[in-house]
Amino acid sequence: MSSFVSWVHLLPAALEISMWLDEKTGTAESEYLIASQARGLIDRLTRDLEAADIDIPQQPAHGAAYLPVFAETGNALLSRPGTARRA
């Protein structure tokens, strides 16, 4: 039996993150700037991500060190129970 997924919260957040990632692909911006923008994006989406039961890492990470934290949030979003692709 699949678990409840708040698609109303999950899909818009996933779409915004996906569009942001597409926009940043191949950018000449520094890792520090991209990490800062990623933090701002997650801060903006925190309410929807939490409503969709996505764990947002609370580790203190400054500068470019935030990028792995952002990746962890993205992985949590993609591996959310109920969203896994079925064979």
C-alpha atoms as a PDB file:
ATOM      1  CA  MET A   1       0.000   0.000   0.000  1.00  0.00           C
ATOM      2  CA  SER A   2       1.413   3.382  -0.938  1.00  0.00           C
ATOM      3  CA  SER A   3       1.787   6.150   1.595  1.00  0.00           C
ATOM      4  CA  PHE A   4       0.108   9.538   1.368  1.00  0.00           C
ATOM      5  CA  VAL A   5       1.943  12.097  -0.747  1.00  0.00           C
ATOM      6  CA  SER A   6       0.882  15.730  -0.663  1.00  0.00           C
ATOM      7  CA  TRP A   7       1.176  16.248  -4.400  1.00  0.00           C
ATOM      8  CA  VAL A   8      -0.207  19.784  -4.047  1.00  0.00           C
ATOM      9  CA  HIS A   9       2.962  20.672  -2.167  1.00  0.00           C
ATOM     10  CA  LEU A  10       5.432  18.257  -3.712  1.00  0.00           C
ATOM     11  CA  LEU A  11       4.939  18.894  -7.423  1.00  0.00           C
ATOM     12  CA  PRO A  12       5.274  22.709  -7.442  1.00  0.00           C
ATOM     13  CA  ALA A  13       8.401  22.487  -5.278  1.00  0.00           C
ATOM     14  CA  ALA A  14       9.896  19.776  -7.486  1.00  0.00           C
ATOM     15  CA  LEU A  15       9.095  21.781 -10.609  1.00  0.00           C
ATOM     16  CA  GLU A  16      10.664  24.942  -9.216  1.00  0.00           C
ATOM     17  CA  ILE A  17      13.829  23.086  -8.196  1.00  0.00           C
ATOM     18  CA  SER A  18      13.994  21.386 -11.608  1.00  0.00           C
ATOM     19  CA  MET A  19      13.597  24.685 -13.454  1.00  0.00           C
ATOM     20  CA  TRP A  20      16.227  26.310 -11.226  1.00  0.00           C
ATOM     21  CA  LEU A  21      18.662  23.462 -11.917  1.00  0.00           C
ATOM     22  CA  ASP A  22      18.069  23.772 -15.672  1.00  0.00           C
ATOM     23  CA  GLU A  23      18.712  27.509 -15.431  1.00  0.00           C
ATOM     24  CA  LYS A  24      21.996  26.970 -13.548  1.00  0.00           C
ATOM     25  CA  THR A  25      23.348  24.301 -15.879  1.00  0.00           C
ATOM     26  CA  GLY A  26      26.503  25.583 -17.508  1.00  0.00           C
ATOM     27  CA  THR A  27      26.431  28.911 -15.701  1.00  0.00           C
ATOM     28  CA  ALA A  28      29.633  30.864 -15.189  1.00  0.00           C
ATOM     29  CA  GLU A  29      28.559  31.905 -11.684  1.00  0.00           C
ATOM     30  CA  SER A  30      30.792  30.929  -8.775  1.00  0.00           C
ATOM     31  CA  GLU A  31      29.958  27.960  -6.565  1.00  0.00           C
ATOM     32  CA  TYR A  32      29.547  30.386  -3.682  1.00  0.00           C
ATOM     33  CA  LEU A  33      26.892  32.382  -5.558  1.00  0.00           C
ATOM     34  CA  ILE A  34      25.071  29.260  -6.756  1.00  0.00           C
ATOM     35  CA  ALA A  35      25.088  27.846  -3.205  1.00  0.00           C
ATOM     36  CA  SER A  36      23.672  31.122  -1.892  1.00  0.00           C
ATOM     37  CA  GLN A  37      20.905  31.044  -4.497  1.00  0.00           C
ATOM     38  CA  ALA A  38      20.211  27.369  -3.721  1.00  0.00           C
ATOM     39  CA  ARG A  39      19.836  28.234  -0.038  1.00  0.00           C
ATOM     40  CA  GLY A  40      17.392  31.014  -0.939  1.00  0.00           C
ATOM     41  CA  LEU A  41      15.396  28.611  -3.113  1.00  0.00           C
ATOM     42  CA  ILE A  42      15.134  26.001  -0.358  1.00  0.00           C
ATOM     43  CA  ASP A  43      14.255  28.686   2.193  1.00  0.00           C
ATOM     44  CA  ARG A  44      11.417  29.801  -0.102  1.00  0.00           C
ATOM     45  CA  LEU A  45      10.195  26.231  -0.611  1.00  0.00           C
ATOM     46  CA  THR A  46      10.630  24.994   2.970  1.00  0.00           C
ATOM     47  CA  ARG A  47       6.937  25.148   3.850  1.00  0.00           C
ATOM     48  CA  ASP A  48       5.904  23.096   0.782  1.00  0.00           C
ATOM     49  CA  LEU A  49       8.751  20.617   1.210  1.00  0.00           C
ATOM     50  CA  GLU A  50       7.904  20.049   4.860  1.00  0.00           C
ATOM     51  CA  ALA A  51       4.186  19.685   4.015  1.00  0.00           C
ATOM     52  CA  ALA A  52       5.217  17.007   1.507  1.00  0.00           C
ATOM     53  CA  ASP A  53       7.194  15.287   4.293  1.00  0.00           C
ATOM     54  CA  ILE A  54      10.597  16.053   2.768  1.00  0.00           C
ATOM     55  CA  ASP A  55      13.363  16.254   5.353  1.00  0.00           C
ATOM     56  CA  ILE A  56      15.386  19.428   5.000  1.00  0.00           C
ATOM     57  CA  PRO A  57      18.873  18.965   6.444  1.00  0.00           C
ATOM     58  CA  GLN A  58      19.560  21.410   9.253  1.00  0.00           C
ATOM     59  CA  GLN A  59      23.331  21.086   9.128  1.00  0.00           C
ATOM     60  CA  PRO A  60      25.103  24.416   9.255  1.00  0.00           C
ATOM     61  CA  ALA A  61      26.795  24.850   5.906  1.00  0.00           C
ATOM     62  CA  HIS A  62      28.214  28.113   4.715  1.00  0.00           C
ATOM     63  CA  GLY A  63      29.250  29.210   1.261  1.00  0.00           C
ATOM     64  CA  ALA A  64      29.835  26.531  -1.334  1.00  0.00           C
ATOM     65  CA  ALA A  65      29.589  23.904   1.438  1.00  0.00           C
ATOM     66  CA  TYR A  66      25.788  24.276   1.121  1.00  0.00           C
ATOM     67  CA  LEU A  67      25.743  22.539  -2.287  1.00  0.00           C
ATOM     68  CA  PRO A  68      25.891  18.981  -0.824  1.00  0.00           C
ATOM     69  CA  VAL A  69      23.089  19.939   1.586  1.00  0.00           C
ATOM     70  CA  PHE A  70      21.041  21.149  -1.405  1.00  0.00           C
ATOM     71  CA  ALA A  71      21.798  17.882  -3.227  1.00  0.00           C
ATOM     72  CA  GLU A  72      20.661  15.909  -0.175  1.00  0.00           C
ATOM     73  CA  THR A  73      17.345  17.788  -0.209  1.00  0.00           C
ATOM     74  CA  GLY A  74      16.951  17.056  -3.927  1.00  0.00           C
ATOM     75  CA  ASN A  75      17.677  13.379  -3.344  1.00  0.00           C
ATOM     76  CA  ALA A  76      15.114  13.283  -0.530  1.00  0.00           C
ATOM     77  CA  LEU A  77      12.585  14.828  -2.894  1.00  0.00           C
ATOM     78  CA  LEU A  78      13.271  12.249  -5.600  1.00  0.00           C
ATOM     79  CA  SER A  79      13.242   9.301  -3.220  1.00  0.00           C
ATOM     80  CA  ARG A  80      10.063  10.353  -1.373  1.00  0.00           C
ATOM     81  CA  PRO A  81       8.027   7.226  -0.601  1.00  0.00           C
ATOM     82  CA  GLY A  82       5.107   7.045  -2.966  1.00  0.00           C
ATOM     83  CA  THR A  83       7.014   8.780  -5.743  1.00  0.00           C
ATOM     84  CA  ALA A  84       9.292   5.893  -6.656  1.00  0.00           C
ATOM     85  CA  ARG A  85       8.833   4.578 -10.158  1.00  0.00           C
ATOM     86  CA  ARG A  86       7.223   1.181 -10.296  1.00  0.00           C
ATOM     87  CA  ALA A  87       8.333  -1.579 -12.613  1.00  0.00           C
END
